[in-house]
Amino acid sequence: MSLETVVEDIRDEARARAEEIRADADERAEEIRAEAEADAEEIREEREAEVEREIDQEREQRLSSAKLEAKQARLGARRDVLEDVRADVEAAIADLEGDRREELTRELLDGAVAEFDDGAELRVHGRADDRSLIEDILTDYDDATFAGERECLGGVVVESETSRVRVNNTFDSVLESVWEDNLKAISDRLFDDQ
């Protein structure tokens, strides 16, 4: 074997080894590229899913917010209607006249007087427009006098000279009690919430 043959064999071996290394490197590079592409695809899919979740969450938040705003607007409108109805009722009560006003005022005064001991000196307050009506009714009571005006829709406030008792039997107090006791029924009837 000549030196040239040995050199040629070494070169062939080196080339084969280099080719093998290159093939391994190409194969490894292909594996790395495939892994990177798979990772990139997975990241892209995760990001798309995350964006979809964010979109869904934003949509739900906006929908909830819109529903809440609509509910608040609806409740505000109902409150306004109820306030209008109450104002109409108050106006109708304030406008009561004649026998009906006298009858109701007398009943409220009788109810208030019943809360006091017999013989108690009573002071009766009432609406300015009802002064003469109240004074006429008080002629039926020995120990009661008209003591002044009270800002109200009608009715009376009675207090005793000797005790610290005060009975508020005004149309306002009766309306307030009836209104509070029946607010749900009134609302249901006005807005068909049955």
N, C-alpha and C. Protein backbone atom coordinates (compact mmCIF):
# COMPACT_ATOMS: atom_id res chain seq x y z
N MET A 1 0.83 -1.15 0.00
CA MET A 1 0.00 0.00 0.00
C MET A 1 0.88 1.22 0.00
N SER A 2 0.55 2.01 -0.87
CA SER A 2 1.39 3.18 -0.98
C SER A 2 0.82 4.29 -0.11
N LEU A 3 1.61 5.27 0.05
CA LEU A 3 1.24 6.40 0.89
C LEU A 3 0.05 7.12 0.27
N GLU A 4 0.08 7.14 -1.00
CA GLU A 4 -1.02 7.80 -1.70
C GLU A 4 -2.32 7.06 -1.46
N THR A 5 -2.28 5.81 -1.42
CA THR A 5 -3.47 5.01 -1.18
C THR A 5 -3.96 5.24 0.24
N VAL A 6 -3.05 5.31 1.17
CA VAL A 6 -3.42 5.53 2.57
C VAL A 6 -4.06 6.92 2.71
N VAL A 7 -3.47 7.90 2.05
CA VAL A 7 -4.00 9.28 2.13
C VAL A 7 -5.40 9.29 1.52
N GLU A 8 -5.53 8.60 0.39
CA GLU A 8 -6.83 8.56 -0.29
C GLU A 8 -7.86 7.88 0.60
N ASP A 9 -7.48 6.79 1.29
CA ASP A 9 -8.40 6.10 2.19
C ASP A 9 -8.82 7.02 3.34
N ILE A 10 -7.84 7.76 3.88
CA ILE A 10 -8.13 8.68 4.99
C ILE A 10 -9.07 9.78 4.51
N ARG A 11 -8.81 10.27 3.30
CA ARG A 11 -9.68 11.31 2.75
C ARG A 11 -11.09 10.77 2.54
N ASP A 12 -11.20 9.59 2.01
CA ASP A 12 -12.52 8.98 1.78
C ASP A 12 -13.25 8.81 3.11
N GLU A 13 -12.48 8.36 4.10
CA GLU A 13 -13.07 8.16 5.41
C GLU A 13 -13.52 9.50 5.99
N ALA A 14 -12.70 10.53 5.81
CA ALA A 14 -13.01 11.86 6.32
C ALA A 14 -14.24 12.41 5.60
N ARG A 15 -14.28 12.18 4.28
CA ARG A 15 -15.45 12.65 3.52
C ARG A 15 -16.71 11.92 3.98
N ALA A 16 -16.60 10.63 4.16
CA ALA A 16 -17.75 9.84 4.61
C ALA A 16 -18.20 10.32 6.00
N ARG A 17 -17.17 10.54 6.84
CA ARG A 17 -17.49 11.01 8.19
C ARG A 17 -18.11 12.40 8.13
N ALA A 18 -17.60 13.30 7.31
CA ALA A 18 -18.12 14.65 7.14
C ALA A 18 -19.55 14.58 6.60
N GLU A 19 -19.75 13.67 5.62
CA GLU A 19 -21.08 13.49 5.04
C GLU A 19 -22.04 13.00 6.10
N GLU A 20 -21.58 12.10 6.95
CA GLU A 20 -22.39 11.56 8.03
C GLU A 20 -22.72 12.66 9.02
N ILE A 21 -21.74 13.48 9.36
CA ILE A 21 -21.94 14.59 10.30
C ILE A 21 -22.92 15.59 9.69
N ARG A 22 -22.75 15.89 8.41
CA ARG A 22 -23.63 16.82 7.71
C ARG A 22 -25.05 16.26 7.70
N ALA A 23 -25.18 14.98 7.42
CA ALA A 23 -26.50 14.36 7.38
C ALA A 23 -27.15 14.42 8.77
N ASP A 24 -26.34 14.10 9.81
CA ASP A 24 -26.85 14.19 11.18
C ASP A 24 -27.26 15.63 11.50
N ALA A 25 -26.41 16.59 11.08
CA ALA A 25 -26.69 18.01 11.34
C ALA A 25 -27.97 18.42 10.61
N ASP A 26 -28.12 18.00 9.35
CA ASP A 26 -29.33 18.33 8.59
C ASP A 26 -30.57 17.72 9.25
N GLU A 27 -30.39 16.49 9.70
CA GLU A 27 -31.51 15.80 10.36
C GLU A 27 -31.87 16.52 11.65
N ARG A 28 -30.85 16.89 12.42
CA ARG A 28 -31.08 17.61 13.69
C ARG A 28 -31.69 18.98 13.41
N ALA A 29 -31.18 19.66 12.39
CA ALA A 29 -31.72 20.97 12.02
C ALA A 29 -33.19 20.84 11.63
N GLU A 30 -33.53 19.79 10.89
CA GLU A 30 -34.91 19.55 10.48
C GLU A 30 -35.78 19.30 11.71
N GLU A 31 -35.25 18.52 12.69
CA GLU A 31 -35.99 18.26 13.92
C GLU A 31 -36.23 19.55 14.69
N ILE A 32 -35.18 20.38 14.79
CA ILE A 32 -35.29 21.66 15.51
C ILE A 32 -36.31 22.55 14.81
N ARG A 33 -36.23 22.63 13.48
CA ARG A 33 -37.17 23.45 12.71
C ARG A 33 -38.59 22.94 12.91
N ALA A 34 -38.80 21.63 12.87
CA ALA A 34 -40.13 21.05 13.06
C ALA A 34 -40.65 21.34 14.47
N GLU A 35 -39.77 21.21 15.47
CA GLU A 35 -40.16 21.52 16.84
C GLU A 35 -40.54 23.00 16.98
N ALA A 36 -39.73 23.86 16.37
CA ALA A 36 -39.99 25.30 16.43
C ALA A 36 -41.32 25.62 15.76
N GLU A 37 -41.59 25.01 14.61
CA GLU A 37 -42.86 25.25 13.92
C GLU A 37 -44.03 24.74 14.76
N ALA A 38 -43.85 23.57 15.40
CA ALA A 38 -44.91 23.02 16.25
C ALA A 38 -45.14 23.94 17.45
N ASP A 39 -44.03 24.41 18.06
CA ASP A 39 -44.16 25.34 19.18
C ASP A 39 -44.85 26.63 18.74
N ALA A 40 -44.47 27.14 17.60
CA ALA A 40 -45.07 28.37 17.08
C ALA A 40 -46.57 28.16 16.83
N GLU A 41 -46.93 27.01 16.26
CA GLU A 41 -48.34 26.71 16.00
C GLU A 41 -49.11 26.60 17.31
N GLU A 42 -48.51 25.96 18.31
CA GLU A 42 -49.16 25.82 19.62
C GLU A 42 -49.34 27.19 20.27
N ILE A 43 -48.30 28.03 20.19
CA ILE A 43 -48.39 29.38 20.75
C ILE A 43 -49.47 30.18 20.03
N ARG A 44 -49.51 30.07 18.70
CA ARG A 44 -50.52 30.78 17.92
C ARG A 44 -51.92 30.32 18.32
N GLU A 45 -52.13 29.01 18.47
CA GLU A 45 -53.44 28.47 18.85
C GLU A 45 -53.83 28.93 20.26
N GLU A 46 -52.84 28.91 21.19
CA GLU A 46 -53.11 29.37 22.55
C GLU A 46 -53.49 30.85 22.55
N ARG A 47 -52.76 31.63 21.78
CA ARG A 47 -53.04 33.07 21.69
C ARG A 47 -54.41 33.32 21.09
N GLU A 48 -54.76 32.58 20.03
CA GLU A 48 -56.08 32.71 19.43
C GLU A 48 -57.17 32.37 20.44
N ALA A 49 -56.95 31.29 21.20
CA ALA A 49 -57.92 30.89 22.21
C ALA A 49 -58.04 31.96 23.29
N GLU A 50 -56.91 32.53 23.69
CA GLU A 50 -56.90 33.58 24.70
C GLU A 50 -57.66 34.82 24.19
N VAL A 51 -57.40 35.18 22.94
CA VAL A 51 -58.09 36.33 22.34
C VAL A 51 -59.59 36.05 22.28
N GLU A 52 -59.98 34.84 21.91
CA GLU A 52 -61.40 34.47 21.87
C GLU A 52 -62.02 34.57 23.27
N ARG A 53 -61.30 34.10 24.29
CA ARG A 53 -61.80 34.20 25.67
C ARG A 53 -61.97 35.67 26.06
N GLU A 54 -60.99 36.50 25.72
CA GLU A 54 -61.07 37.93 26.03
C GLU A 54 -62.25 38.57 25.32
N ILE A 55 -62.44 38.21 24.06
CA ILE A 55 -63.57 38.75 23.30
C ILE A 55 -64.88 38.32 23.95
N ASP A 56 -64.99 37.03 24.30
CA ASP A 56 -66.21 36.53 24.95
C ASP A 56 -66.45 37.23 26.28
N GLN A 57 -65.37 37.41 27.05
CA GLN A 57 -65.49 38.08 28.34
C GLN A 57 -65.93 39.53 28.15
N GLU A 58 -65.31 40.22 27.20
CA GLU A 58 -65.69 41.61 26.92
C GLU A 58 -67.14 41.70 26.48
N ARG A 59 -67.55 40.76 25.63
CA ARG A 59 -68.94 40.72 25.15
C ARG A 59 -69.89 40.52 26.33
N GLU A 60 -69.56 39.58 27.22
CA GLU A 60 -70.40 39.33 28.40
C GLU A 60 -70.46 40.55 29.31
N GLN A 61 -69.32 41.21 29.51
CA GLN A 61 -69.29 42.40 30.35
C GLN A 61 -70.15 43.50 29.75
N ARG A 62 -70.03 43.71 28.46
CA ARG A 62 -70.83 44.75 27.81
C ARG A 62 -72.31 44.41 27.84
N LEU A 63 -72.62 43.15 27.65
CA LEU A 63 -74.01 42.71 27.70
C LEU A 63 -74.57 42.91 29.11
N SER A 64 -73.80 42.51 30.11
CA SER A 64 -74.23 42.70 31.50
C SER A 64 -74.40 44.18 31.81
N SER A 65 -73.46 44.98 31.35
CA SER A 65 -73.53 46.42 31.58
C SER A 65 -74.77 47.01 30.90
N ALA A 66 -75.03 46.59 29.68
CA ALA A 66 -76.20 47.08 28.95
C ALA A 66 -77.49 46.65 29.65
N LYS A 67 -77.53 45.40 30.13
CA LYS A 67 -78.71 44.92 30.85
C LYS A 67 -78.92 45.73 32.12
N LEU A 68 -77.83 46.00 32.85
CA LEU A 68 -77.92 46.77 34.08
C LEU A 68 -78.42 48.19 33.79
N GLU A 69 -77.86 48.81 32.75
CA GLU A 69 -78.30 50.15 32.38
C GLU A 69 -79.78 50.15 32.01
N ALA A 70 -80.21 49.14 31.25
CA ALA A 70 -81.62 49.05 30.86
C ALA A 70 -82.50 48.86 32.09
N LYS A 71 -82.04 48.02 33.02
CA LYS A 71 -82.82 47.79 34.23
C LYS A 71 -82.92 49.08 35.05
N GLN A 72 -81.79 49.79 35.17
CA GLN A 72 -81.80 51.05 35.92
C GLN A 72 -82.72 52.07 35.26
N ALA A 73 -82.68 52.13 33.93
CA ALA A 73 -83.55 53.06 33.22
C ALA A 73 -85.02 52.69 33.43
N ARG A 74 -85.30 51.38 33.37
CA ARG A 74 -86.68 50.91 33.58
C ARG A 74 -87.13 51.23 35.00
N LEU A 75 -86.26 50.98 36.00
CA LEU A 75 -86.61 51.29 37.38
C LEU A 75 -86.79 52.80 37.59
N GLY A 76 -85.94 53.58 36.94
CA GLY A 76 -86.08 55.04 37.03
C GLY A 76 -87.39 55.51 36.44
N ALA A 77 -87.77 54.93 35.30
CA ALA A 77 -89.04 55.29 34.67
C ALA A 77 -90.21 54.88 35.57
N ARG A 78 -90.10 53.70 36.17
CA ARG A 78 -91.17 53.25 37.08
C ARG A 78 -91.26 54.17 38.29
N ARG A 79 -90.11 54.54 38.83
CA ARG A 79 -90.09 55.45 39.98
C ARG A 79 -90.76 56.78 39.61
N ASP A 80 -90.44 57.28 38.41
CA ASP A 80 -91.05 58.54 37.96
C ASP A 80 -92.56 58.41 37.84
N VAL A 81 -93.01 57.28 37.28
CA VAL A 81 -94.46 57.06 37.14
C VAL A 81 -95.11 56.97 38.51
N LEU A 82 -94.48 56.23 39.43
CA LEU A 82 -95.03 56.13 40.79
C LEU A 82 -95.08 57.49 41.48
N GLU A 83 -94.04 58.30 41.28
CA GLU A 83 -94.04 59.64 41.86
C GLU A 83 -95.16 60.48 41.27
N ASP A 84 -95.39 60.35 39.95
CA ASP A 84 -96.50 61.08 39.31
C ASP A 84 -97.84 60.63 39.86
N VAL A 85 -98.00 59.31 40.02
CA VAL A 85 -99.26 58.78 40.56
C VAL A 85 -99.46 59.30 41.99
N ARG A 86 -98.39 59.27 42.78
CA ARG A 86 -98.50 59.76 44.16
C ARG A 86 -98.86 61.24 44.17
N ALA A 87 -98.24 62.03 43.30
CA ALA A 87 -98.55 63.46 43.22
C ALA A 87 -100.01 63.66 42.82
N ASP A 88 -100.51 62.84 41.90
CA ASP A 88 -101.92 62.93 41.49
C ASP A 88 -102.85 62.58 42.65
N VAL A 89 -102.48 61.55 43.42
CA VAL A 89 -103.29 61.16 44.58
C VAL A 89 -103.28 62.28 45.61
N GLU A 90 -102.11 62.85 45.87
CA GLU A 90 -102.02 63.95 46.84
C GLU A 90 -102.87 65.13 46.38
N ALA A 91 -102.83 65.44 45.09
CA ALA A 91 -103.63 66.55 44.56
C ALA A 91 -105.12 66.25 44.72
N ALA A 92 -105.51 65.02 44.44
CA ALA A 92 -106.93 64.64 44.57
C ALA A 92 -107.37 64.74 46.03
N ILE A 93 -106.51 64.33 46.95
CA ILE A 93 -106.84 64.42 48.38
C ILE A 93 -106.93 65.88 48.81
N ALA A 94 -105.98 66.69 48.38
CA ALA A 94 -105.99 68.12 48.74
C ALA A 94 -107.23 68.81 48.18
N ASP A 95 -107.73 68.33 47.06
CA ASP A 95 -108.89 68.96 46.41
C ASP A 95 -110.24 68.46 46.94
N LEU A 96 -110.23 67.50 47.88
CA LEU A 96 -111.50 67.03 48.45
C LEU A 96 -112.25 68.21 49.05
N GLU A 97 -113.56 68.22 48.87
CA GLU A 97 -114.35 69.34 49.37
C GLU A 97 -115.63 68.84 50.02
N GLY A 98 -116.31 69.77 50.61
CA GLY A 98 -117.66 69.54 51.09
C GLY A 98 -117.79 68.44 52.12
N ASP A 99 -118.88 67.68 51.97
CA ASP A 99 -119.23 66.65 52.94
C ASP A 99 -118.15 65.58 53.06
N ARG A 100 -117.56 65.22 51.95
CA ARG A 100 -116.53 64.16 51.99
C ARG A 100 -115.33 64.61 52.82
N ARG A 101 -114.90 65.85 52.63
CA ARG A 101 -113.76 66.37 53.40
C ARG A 101 -114.12 66.45 54.88
N GLU A 102 -115.32 66.93 55.16
CA GLU A 102 -115.75 67.02 56.55
C GLU A 102 -115.83 65.64 57.20
N GLU A 103 -116.40 64.68 56.48
CA GLU A 103 -116.53 63.31 57.00
C GLU A 103 -115.16 62.72 57.35
N LEU A 104 -114.21 62.85 56.41
CA LEU A 104 -112.87 62.29 56.65
C LEU A 104 -112.15 63.02 57.79
N THR A 105 -112.27 64.34 57.83
CA THR A 105 -111.62 65.12 58.89
C THR A 105 -112.22 64.75 60.24
N ARG A 106 -113.53 64.58 60.30
CA ARG A 106 -114.20 64.21 61.56
C ARG A 106 -113.72 62.82 62.02
N GLU A 107 -113.62 61.86 61.08
CA GLU A 107 -113.15 60.51 61.43
C GLU A 107 -111.72 60.55 61.96
N LEU A 108 -110.87 61.33 61.32
CA LEU A 108 -109.48 61.43 61.76
C LEU A 108 -109.38 62.11 63.12
N LEU A 109 -110.20 63.13 63.36
CA LEU A 109 -110.21 63.80 64.65
C LEU A 109 -110.73 62.86 65.74
N ASP A 110 -111.82 62.13 65.44
CA ASP A 110 -112.36 61.17 66.41
C ASP A 110 -111.30 60.13 66.78
N GLY A 111 -110.60 59.63 65.79
CA GLY A 111 -109.56 58.63 66.05
C GLY A 111 -108.43 59.19 66.89
N ALA A 112 -108.06 60.43 66.65
CA ALA A 112 -106.98 61.05 67.42
C ALA A 112 -107.42 61.32 68.85
N VAL A 113 -108.62 61.85 69.04
CA VAL A 113 -109.12 62.17 70.38
C VAL A 113 -109.23 60.91 71.23
N ALA A 114 -109.56 59.79 70.61
CA ALA A 114 -109.70 58.52 71.34
C ALA A 114 -108.38 58.08 71.97
N GLU A 115 -107.27 58.62 71.53
CA GLU A 115 -105.96 58.26 72.06
C GLU A 115 -105.65 58.96 73.39
N PHE A 116 -106.47 59.92 73.78
CA PHE A 116 -106.21 60.71 74.98
C PHE A 116 -107.22 60.38 76.09
N ASP A 117 -106.80 60.66 77.32
CA ASP A 117 -107.70 60.47 78.47
C ASP A 117 -108.84 61.47 78.40
N ASP A 118 -110.01 61.07 78.94
CA ASP A 118 -111.14 62.01 79.01
C ASP A 118 -110.75 63.22 79.84
N GLY A 119 -111.18 64.37 79.39
CA GLY A 119 -110.92 65.60 80.12
C GLY A 119 -109.58 66.24 79.80
N ALA A 120 -108.78 65.62 78.97
CA ALA A 120 -107.48 66.21 78.61
C ALA A 120 -107.72 67.42 77.72
N GLU A 121 -106.97 68.46 77.99
CA GLU A 121 -107.04 69.67 77.16
C GLU A 121 -106.27 69.39 75.86
N LEU A 122 -106.97 69.44 74.76
CA LEU A 122 -106.36 69.07 73.48
C LEU A 122 -106.18 70.28 72.58
N ARG A 123 -105.03 70.31 71.93
CA ARG A 123 -104.74 71.33 70.92
C ARG A 123 -104.76 70.64 69.56
N VAL A 124 -105.50 71.21 68.66
CA VAL A 124 -105.68 70.60 67.34
C VAL A 124 -105.07 71.53 66.30
N HIS A 125 -104.24 70.92 65.45
CA HIS A 125 -103.61 71.66 64.35
C HIS A 125 -104.14 71.07 63.04
N GLY A 126 -104.25 71.93 62.04
CA GLY A 126 -104.72 71.43 60.75
C GLY A 126 -104.28 72.34 59.62
N ARG A 127 -104.69 71.96 58.45
CA ARG A 127 -104.36 72.71 57.22
C ARG A 127 -105.01 74.09 57.27
N ALA A 128 -104.30 75.08 56.78
CA ALA A 128 -104.81 76.46 56.82
C ALA A 128 -106.16 76.58 56.13
N ASP A 129 -106.33 75.92 55.00
CA ASP A 129 -107.60 75.99 54.26
C ASP A 129 -108.74 75.29 55.00
N ASP A 130 -108.40 74.45 55.97
CA ASP A 130 -109.43 73.69 56.71
C ASP A 130 -109.73 74.31 58.08
N ARG A 131 -109.19 75.46 58.36
CA ARG A 131 -109.35 76.04 59.70
C ARG A 131 -110.81 76.17 60.10
N SER A 132 -111.63 76.76 59.25
CA SER A 132 -113.04 76.96 59.63
C SER A 132 -113.76 75.61 59.76
N LEU A 133 -113.42 74.65 58.89
CA LEU A 133 -114.02 73.31 58.97
C LEU A 133 -113.66 72.67 60.31
N ILE A 134 -112.38 72.72 60.68
CA ILE A 134 -111.93 72.11 61.94
C ILE A 134 -112.56 72.82 63.13
N GLU A 135 -112.63 74.15 63.09
CA GLU A 135 -113.24 74.88 64.20
C GLU A 135 -114.72 74.51 64.34
N ASP A 136 -115.43 74.32 63.21
CA ASP A 136 -116.83 73.89 63.26
C ASP A 136 -116.95 72.51 63.89
N ILE A 137 -116.08 71.59 63.50
CA ILE A 137 -116.11 70.23 64.05
C ILE A 137 -115.78 70.27 65.55
N LEU A 138 -114.85 71.12 65.95
CA LEU A 138 -114.42 71.19 67.35
C LEU A 138 -115.52 71.69 68.29
N THR A 139 -116.57 72.28 67.75
CA THR A 139 -117.69 72.70 68.62
C THR A 139 -118.34 71.48 69.26
N ASP A 140 -118.12 70.29 68.71
CA ASP A 140 -118.67 69.05 69.27
C ASP A 140 -117.79 68.51 70.40
N TYR A 141 -116.63 69.12 70.65
CA TYR A 141 -115.69 68.65 71.67
C TYR A 141 -115.52 69.74 72.72
N ASP A 142 -115.65 69.35 74.00
CA ASP A 142 -115.55 70.32 75.09
C ASP A 142 -114.11 70.75 75.36
N ASP A 143 -113.16 69.83 75.25
CA ASP A 143 -111.79 70.12 75.71
C ASP A 143 -110.79 70.25 74.56
N ALA A 144 -111.24 70.63 73.39
CA ALA A 144 -110.34 70.73 72.24
C ALA A 144 -110.48 72.10 71.59
N THR A 145 -109.33 72.67 71.22
CA THR A 145 -109.34 73.98 70.55
C THR A 145 -108.38 73.94 69.36
N PHE A 146 -108.70 74.78 68.39
CA PHE A 146 -107.81 74.90 67.23
C PHE A 146 -106.58 75.67 67.69
N ALA A 147 -105.38 75.08 67.47
CA ALA A 147 -104.15 75.67 68.01
C ALA A 147 -103.22 76.18 66.92
N GLY A 148 -103.58 76.05 65.69
CA GLY A 148 -102.71 76.59 64.65
C GLY A 148 -102.69 75.73 63.40
N GLU A 149 -102.01 76.29 62.44
CA GLU A 149 -101.95 75.65 61.13
C GLU A 149 -100.80 74.67 61.04
N ARG A 150 -100.99 73.67 60.23
CA ARG A 150 -99.98 72.63 59.99
C ARG A 150 -99.92 72.44 58.47
N GLU A 151 -98.73 72.35 57.93
CA GLU A 151 -98.56 72.10 56.48
C GLU A 151 -98.89 70.64 56.21
N CYS A 152 -100.03 70.41 55.59
CA CYS A 152 -100.46 69.05 55.28
C CYS A 152 -101.56 69.09 54.23
N LEU A 153 -101.97 67.92 53.78
CA LEU A 153 -103.05 67.82 52.78
C LEU A 153 -104.42 67.96 53.42
N GLY A 154 -104.48 67.77 54.70
CA GLY A 154 -105.75 67.81 55.44
C GLY A 154 -105.63 66.92 56.64
N GLY A 155 -106.75 66.80 57.39
CA GLY A 155 -106.71 66.00 58.60
C GLY A 155 -106.23 66.84 59.76
N VAL A 156 -105.80 66.15 60.84
CA VAL A 156 -105.45 66.88 62.06
C VAL A 156 -104.21 66.28 62.73
N VAL A 157 -103.55 67.13 63.53
CA VAL A 157 -102.53 66.70 64.47
C VAL A 157 -103.04 67.17 65.82
N VAL A 158 -103.17 66.22 66.75
CA VAL A 158 -103.73 66.55 68.06
C VAL A 158 -102.67 66.27 69.12
N GLU A 159 -102.54 67.24 70.06
CA GLU A 159 -101.62 67.05 71.17
C GLU A 159 -102.29 67.52 72.45
N SER A 160 -101.83 66.97 73.54
CA SER A 160 -102.41 67.29 74.83
C SER A 160 -101.56 68.34 75.53
N GLU A 161 -102.25 69.21 76.25
CA GLU A 161 -101.54 70.22 77.03
C GLU A 161 -100.74 69.57 78.14
N THR A 162 -101.25 68.49 78.70
CA THR A 162 -100.64 67.90 79.89
C THR A 162 -99.70 66.74 79.59
N SER A 163 -99.85 66.09 78.47
CA SER A 163 -98.97 64.95 78.18
C SER A 163 -98.09 65.27 76.98
N ARG A 164 -97.18 64.42 76.75
CA ARG A 164 -96.26 64.63 75.62
C ARG A 164 -96.72 63.83 74.40
N VAL A 165 -97.96 63.45 74.39
CA VAL A 165 -98.50 62.64 73.30
C VAL A 165 -98.92 63.55 72.16
N ARG A 166 -98.57 63.12 70.96
CA ARG A 166 -99.01 63.83 69.76
C ARG A 166 -99.49 62.77 68.78
N VAL A 167 -100.69 62.95 68.27
CA VAL A 167 -101.28 62.00 67.32
C VAL A 167 -101.38 62.70 65.97
N ASN A 168 -100.69 62.12 65.00
CA ASN A 168 -100.69 62.68 63.65
C ASN A 168 -101.70 61.89 62.82
N ASN A 169 -102.88 62.45 62.67
CA ASN A 169 -103.92 61.84 61.84
C ASN A 169 -104.21 62.76 60.65
N THR A 170 -103.15 63.08 59.94
CA THR A 170 -103.32 63.90 58.73
C THR A 170 -103.56 62.99 57.54
N PHE A 171 -104.10 63.56 56.49
CA PHE A 171 -104.26 62.79 55.26
C PHE A 171 -102.90 62.29 54.78
N ASP A 172 -101.88 63.12 55.03
CA ASP A 172 -100.51 62.75 54.61
C ASP A 172 -100.05 61.47 55.29
N SER A 173 -100.28 61.39 56.63
CA SER A 173 -99.82 60.20 57.36
C SER A 173 -100.60 58.96 56.96
N VAL A 174 -101.91 59.14 56.71
CA VAL A 174 -102.72 58.00 56.26
C VAL A 174 -102.27 57.57 54.87
N LEU A 175 -102.05 58.54 53.99
CA LEU A 175 -101.59 58.22 52.63
C LEU A 175 -100.24 57.51 52.69
N GLU A 176 -99.34 57.99 53.52
CA GLU A 176 -98.01 57.37 53.62
C GLU A 176 -98.13 55.91 54.06
N SER A 177 -98.96 55.67 55.04
CA SER A 177 -99.15 54.30 55.53
C SER A 177 -99.76 53.41 54.45
N VAL A 178 -100.81 53.90 53.82
CA VAL A 178 -101.48 53.12 52.76
C VAL A 178 -100.54 52.92 51.59
N TRP A 179 -99.81 53.95 51.23
CA TRP A 179 -98.88 53.88 50.09
C TRP A 179 -97.81 52.81 50.35
N GLU A 180 -97.19 52.86 51.52
CA GLU A 180 -96.13 51.89 51.84
C GLU A 180 -96.68 50.46 51.90
N ASP A 181 -97.87 50.31 52.48
CA ASP A 181 -98.45 48.97 52.60
C ASP A 181 -98.86 48.39 51.24
N ASN A 182 -99.15 49.26 50.28
CA ASN A 182 -99.68 48.79 49.00
C ASN A 182 -98.80 49.10 47.81
N LEU A 183 -97.57 49.54 48.06
CA LEU A 183 -96.69 49.95 46.96
C LEU A 183 -96.46 48.82 45.95
N LYS A 184 -96.25 47.61 46.43
CA LYS A 184 -96.02 46.49 45.51
C LYS A 184 -97.25 46.24 44.65
N ALA A 185 -98.41 46.23 45.28
CA ALA A 185 -99.66 46.00 44.52
C ALA A 185 -99.89 47.13 43.50
N ILE A 186 -99.60 48.35 43.91
CA ILE A 186 -99.75 49.49 42.99
C ILE A 186 -98.80 49.33 41.81
N SER A 187 -97.56 49.00 42.12
CA SER A 187 -96.56 48.81 41.06
C SER A 187 -96.96 47.66 40.13
N ASP A 188 -97.40 46.55 40.73
CA ASP A 188 -97.81 45.41 39.90
C ASP A 188 -98.97 45.79 38.98
N ARG A 189 -99.91 46.54 39.51
CA ARG A 189 -101.07 46.93 38.70
C ARG A 189 -100.68 47.90 37.59
N LEU A 190 -99.81 48.84 37.91
CA LEU A 190 -99.39 49.83 36.90
C LEU A 190 -98.53 49.20 35.81
N PHE A 191 -97.69 48.23 36.20
CA PHE A 191 -96.69 47.70 35.27
C PHE A 191 -96.93 46.25 34.89
N ASP A 192 -98.06 45.70 35.24
CA ASP A 192 -98.41 44.31 34.87
C ASP A 192 -97.32 43.32 35.24
N ASP A 193 -96.81 43.39 36.47
CA ASP A 193 -95.74 42.48 36.93
C ASP A 193 -96.31 41.23 37.62
N GLN A 194 -97.51 40.89 37.31
CA GLN A 194 -98.14 39.77 38.03
C GLN A 194 -97.61 38.45 37.56
